[in-house]
PDB file of N, CA and C in Angstrom:
ATOM      1  N   UNK A   1      63.580-133.071 -92.241  1.00  0.00           N
ATOM      2  CA  UNK A   1      63.754-133.495 -91.234  1.00  0.00           C
ATOM      3  C   UNK A   1      62.813-134.278 -90.458  1.00  0.00           C
ATOM      4  N   UNK A   2      61.739-133.640 -90.313  1.00  0.00           N
ATOM      5  CA  UNK A   2      60.752-134.451 -89.943  1.00  0.00           C
ATOM      6  C   UNK A   2      60.857-136.250 -89.792  1.00  0.00           C
ATOM      7  N   UNK A   3      61.177-136.409 -91.206  1.00  0.00           N
ATOM      8  CA  UNK A   3      61.920-138.081 -90.989  1.00  0.00           C
ATOM      9  C   UNK A   3      62.627-138.632 -91.628  1.00  0.00           C
ATOM     10  N   UNK A   4      64.253-137.447 -91.376  1.00  0.00           N
ATOM     11  CA  UNK A   4      65.004-138.081 -91.103  1.00  0.00           C
ATOM     12  C   UNK A   4      66.135-138.055 -92.634  1.00  0.00           C
ATOM     13  N   UNK A   5      65.181-136.910 -93.260  1.00  0.00           N
ATOM     14  CA  UNK A   5      65.863-136.327 -94.550  1.00  0.00           C
ATOM     15  C   UNK A   5      66.230-134.989 -94.572  1.00  0.00           C
ATOM     16  N   UNK A   6      67.477-134.729 -94.754  1.00  0.00           N
ATOM     17  CA  UNK A   6      68.107-133.247 -95.214  1.00  0.00           C
ATOM     18  C   UNK A   6      67.897-132.967 -96.443  1.00  0.00           C
ATOM     19  N   UNK A   7      66.841-132.109 -97.158  1.00  0.00           N
ATOM     20  CA  UNK A   7      67.334-131.703 -98.188  1.00  0.00           C
ATOM     21  C   UNK A   7      68.005-130.226 -98.566  1.00  0.00           C
ATOM     22  N   UNK A   8      68.349-130.258 -97.508  1.00  0.00           N
ATOM     23  CA  UNK A   8      69.314-128.510 -98.093  1.00  0.00           C
ATOM     24  C   UNK A   8      70.278-129.019 -98.817  1.00  0.00           C
ATOM     25  N   UNK A   9      70.491-128.223-100.159  1.00  0.00           N
ATOM     26  CA  UNK A   9      71.405-128.412-100.475  1.00  0.00           C
ATOM     27  C   UNK A   9      72.736-127.588-100.510  1.00  0.00           C
ATOM     28  N   UNK A  10      72.806-126.994 -99.959  1.00  0.00           N
ATOM     29  CA  UNK A  10      73.990-125.997 -99.661  1.00  0.00           C
ATOM     30  C   UNK A  10      75.066-126.943 -98.751  1.00  0.00           C
ATOM     31  N   UNK A  11      76.609-126.284 -99.426  1.00  0.00           N
ATOM     32  CA  UNK A  11      77.341-127.441 -98.950  1.00  0.00           C
ATOM     33  C   UNK A  11      77.665-126.835 -97.640  1.00  0.00           C
ATOM     34  N   UNK A  12      78.180-127.857 -96.536  1.00  0.00           N
ATOM     35  CA  UNK A  12      78.074-127.368 -95.224  1.00  0.00           C
ATOM     36  C   UNK A  12      79.463-126.799 -95.145  1.00  0.00           C
ATOM     37  N   UNK A  13      79.966-127.263 -96.081  1.00  0.00           N
ATOM     38  CA  UNK A  13      81.509-126.693 -96.130  1.00  0.00           C
ATOM     39  C   UNK A  13      82.406-126.644 -97.325  1.00  0.00           C
ATOM     40  N   UNK A  14      83.213-125.759 -97.805  1.00  0.00           N
ATOM     41  CA  UNK A  14      83.772-126.209 -99.047  1.00  0.00           C
ATOM     42  C   UNK A  14      84.164-127.808 -99.387  1.00  0.00           C
ATOM     43  N   UNK A  15      84.009-127.829-100.791  1.00  0.00           N
ATOM     44  CA  UNK A  15      84.847-129.403-101.026  1.00  0.00           C
ATOM     45  C   UNK A  15      86.106-129.152-101.367  1.00  0.00           C
ATOM     46  N   UNK A  16      86.948-129.827-101.449  1.00  0.00           N
ATOM     47  CA  UNK A  16      88.396-130.342-101.338  1.00  0.00           C
ATOM     48  C   UNK A  16      88.616-130.368-102.390  1.00  0.00           C
ATOM     49  N   UNK A  17      89.493-130.286-103.291  1.00  0.00           N
ATOM     50  CA  UNK A  17      90.438-130.830-104.599  1.00  0.00           C
ATOM     51  C   UNK A  17      91.776-130.788-104.328  1.00  0.00           C
ATOM     52  N   UNK A  18      92.019-132.148-104.982  1.00  0.00           N
ATOM     53  CA  UNK A  18      93.679-131.995-104.821  1.00  0.00           C
ATOM     54  C   UNK A  18      93.834-132.319-106.922  1.00  0.00           C
ATOM     55  N   UNK A  19      93.253-131.543-107.181  1.00  0.00           N
ATOM     56  CA  UNK A  19      93.331-131.164-108.692  1.00  0.00           C
ATOM     57  C   UNK A  19      94.204-129.886-108.794  1.00  0.00           C
ATOM     58  N   UNK A  20      95.355-130.214-109.866  1.00  0.00           N
ATOM     59  CA  UNK A  20      96.437-128.955-109.806  1.00  0.00           C
ATOM     60  C   UNK A  20      96.289-128.994-111.557  1.00  0.00           C
ATOM     61  N   UNK A  21      95.652-127.382-111.169  1.00  0.00           N
ATOM     62  CA  UNK A  21      95.775-126.781-113.015  1.00  0.00           C
ATOM     63  C   UNK A  21      96.704-127.156-113.566  1.00  0.00           C
ATOM     64  N   UNK A  22      96.652-127.421-114.383  1.00  0.00           N
ATOM     65  CA  UNK A  22      97.709-127.242-115.155  1.00  0.00           C
ATOM     66  C   UNK A  22      96.924-126.592-116.655  1.00  0.00           C
ATOM     67  N   UNK A  23      98.521-125.660-117.237  1.00  0.00           N
ATOM     68  CA  UNK A  23      97.896-124.796-118.217  1.00  0.00           C
ATOM     69  C   UNK A  23      99.360-124.557-119.492  1.00  0.00           C
ATOM     70  N   UNK A  24      99.132-124.817-120.579  1.00  0.00           N
ATOM     71  CA  UNK A  24     100.252-124.311-121.529  1.00  0.00           C
ATOM     72  C   UNK A  24      99.854-123.695-122.759  1.00  0.00           C
ATOM     73  N   UNK A  25     100.955-122.540-122.447  1.00  0.00           N
ATOM     74  CA  UNK A  25     100.459-121.504-123.391  1.00  0.00           C
ATOM     75  C   UNK A  25     101.288-122.266-125.246  1.00  0.00           C
ATOM     76  N   UNK A  26     100.258-121.519-125.837  1.00  0.00           N
ATOM     77  CA  UNK A  26     100.065-122.328-127.317  1.00  0.00           C
ATOM     78  C   UNK A  26     100.999-121.055-128.033  1.00  0.00           C
ATOM     79  N   UNK A  27     101.936-121.513-128.900  1.00  0.00           N
ATOM     80  CA  UNK A  27     101.724-120.219-129.597  1.00  0.00           C
ATOM     81  C   UNK A  27     101.928-120.570-131.309  1.00  0.00           C
ATOM     82  N   UNK A  28     101.315-119.776-131.548  1.00  0.00           N
ATOM     83  CA  UNK A  28     101.133-120.320-133.322  1.00  0.00           C
ATOM     84  C   UNK A  28     102.344-119.681-134.266  1.00  0.00           C
ATOM     85  N   UNK A  29     102.762-120.468-135.130  1.00  0.00           N
ATOM     86  CA  UNK A  29     103.776-119.678-135.778  1.00  0.00           C
ATOM     87  C   UNK A  29     103.664-120.051-137.480  1.00  0.00           C
ATOM     88  N   UNK A  30     103.979-119.255-138.490  1.00  0.00           N
ATOM     89  CA  UNK A  30     103.709-119.919-139.672  1.00  0.00           C
ATOM     90  C   UNK A  30     104.712-120.838-140.172  1.00  0.00           C
ATOM     91  N   UNK A  31     104.308-121.884-140.569  1.00  0.00           N
ATOM     92  CA  UNK A  31     105.044-122.720-141.107  1.00  0.00           C
ATOM     93  C   UNK A  31     105.629-122.563-142.751  1.00  0.00           C
ATOM     94  N   UNK A  32     106.557-122.769-142.937  1.00  0.00           N
ATOM     95  CA  UNK A  32     107.037-123.110-144.354  1.00  0.00           C
ATOM     96  C   UNK A  32     107.183-124.228-145.092  1.00  0.00           C
ATOM     97  N   UNK A  33     107.119-123.904-146.635  1.00  0.00           N
ATOM     98  CA  UNK A  33     106.694-124.898-147.478  1.00  0.00           C
ATOM     99  C   UNK A  33     108.295-125.493-147.456  1.00  0.00           C
ATOM    100  N   UNK A  34     108.272-127.106-147.058  1.00  0.00           N
ATOM    101  CA  UNK A  34     109.308-127.553-147.546  1.00  0.00           C
ATOM    102  C   UNK A  34     109.880-127.878-148.645  1.00  0.00           C
ATOM    103  N   UNK A  35     111.571-127.080-149.115  1.00  0.00           N
ATOM    104  CA  UNK A  35     111.466-127.470-150.250  1.00  0.00           C
ATOM    105  C   UNK A  35     111.341-128.529-151.799  1.00  0.00           C
ATOM    106  N   UNK A  36     111.440-129.742-150.900  1.00  0.00           N
ATOM    107  CA  UNK A  36     110.884-130.847-151.609  1.00  0.00           C
ATOM    108  C   UNK A  36     109.503-130.715-152.320  1.00  0.00           C
ATOM    109  N   UNK A  37     108.329-129.882-151.861  1.00  0.00           N
ATOM    110  CA  UNK A  37     107.101-129.686-152.632  1.00  0.00           C
ATOM    111  C   UNK A  37     107.728-129.230-153.970  1.00  0.00           C
ATOM    112  N   UNK A  38     108.715-128.078-153.558  1.00  0.00           N
ATOM    113  CA  UNK A  38     109.163-127.250-154.892  1.00  0.00           C
ATOM    114  C   UNK A  38     109.791-128.319-156.439  1.00  0.00           C
ATOM    115  N   UNK A  39     110.602-129.227-155.731  1.00  0.00           N
ATOM    116  CA  UNK A  39     111.017-130.027-156.334  1.00  0.00           C
ATOM    117  C   UNK A  39     109.875-131.017-157.087  1.00  0.00           C
ATOM    118  N   UNK A  40     108.886-131.134-156.462  1.00  0.00           N
ATOM    119  CA  UNK A  40     108.293-132.422-156.707  1.00  0.00           C
ATOM    120  C   UNK A  40     107.131-131.632-157.476  1.00  0.00           C
ATOM    121  N   UNK A  41     106.988-130.142-157.544  1.00  0.00           N
ATOM    122  CA  UNK A  41     105.998-129.470-158.521  1.00  0.00           C
ATOM    123  C   UNK A  41     104.617-129.682-157.885  1.00  0.00           C
ATOM    124  N   UNK A  42     104.909-129.775-156.761  1.00  0.00           N
ATOM    125  CA  UNK A  42     103.528-129.317-156.138  1.00  0.00           C
ATOM    126  C   UNK A  42     103.032-128.074-155.402  1.00  0.00           C
ATOM    127  N   UNK A  43     104.109-126.988-155.305  1.00  0.00           N
ATOM    128  CA  UNK A  43     104.099-125.606-155.323  1.00  0.00           C
ATOM    129  C   UNK A  43     104.567-124.574-156.391  1.00  0.00           C
ATOM    130  N   UNK A  44     103.901-123.950-157.066  1.00  0.00           N
ATOM    131  CA  UNK A  44     104.502-123.494-158.154  1.00  0.00           C
ATOM    132  C   UNK A  44     105.641-122.625-157.735  1.00  0.00           C
ATOM    133  N   UNK A  45     106.711-122.361-158.360  1.00  0.00           N
ATOM    134  CA  UNK A  45     108.180-121.850-158.359  1.00  0.00           C
ATOM    135  C   UNK A  45     108.076-120.383-158.046  1.00  0.00           C
ATOM    136  N   UNK A  46     106.845-119.855-158.084  1.00  0.00           N
ATOM    137  CA  UNK A  46     106.411-117.905-158.113  1.00  0.00           C
ATOM    138  C   UNK A  46     106.253-117.966-156.638  1.00  0.00           C
ATOM    139  N   UNK A  47     105.858-118.850-156.351  1.00  0.00           N
ATOM    140  CA  UNK A  47     105.447-119.023-154.677  1.00  0.00           C
ATOM    141  C   UNK A  47     106.608-118.722-153.867  1.00  0.00           C
ATOM    142  N   UNK A  48     107.447-119.806-154.465  1.00  0.00           N
ATOM    143  CA  UNK A  48     108.735-119.901-153.509  1.00  0.00           C
ATOM    144  C   UNK A  48     109.698-118.476-153.509  1.00  0.00           C
ATOM    145  N   UNK A  49     109.920-117.326-154.401  1.00  0.00           N
ATOM    146  CA  UNK A  49     110.253-116.063-154.482  1.00  0.00           C
ATOM    147  C   UNK A  49     109.216-115.221-153.340  1.00  0.00           C
ATOM    148  N   UNK A  50     108.390-115.497-152.598  1.00  0.00           N
ATOM    149  CA  UNK A  50     107.617-114.324-151.548  1.00  0.00           C
ATOM    150  C   UNK A  50     108.293-114.583-150.373  1.00  0.00           C
TER     151      UNK A  50
END
């Protein structure tokens, strides 16, 4: 302060923010094998019975 410089790092008042937090809840669901994958023999037929 002797030279007109303030090195105090503490904020004088809390910083104001206009940011609105957004949250999205994600739910994982198991995916099914499409029928076309069996017809093109990409998946073995024994897997379809499960």
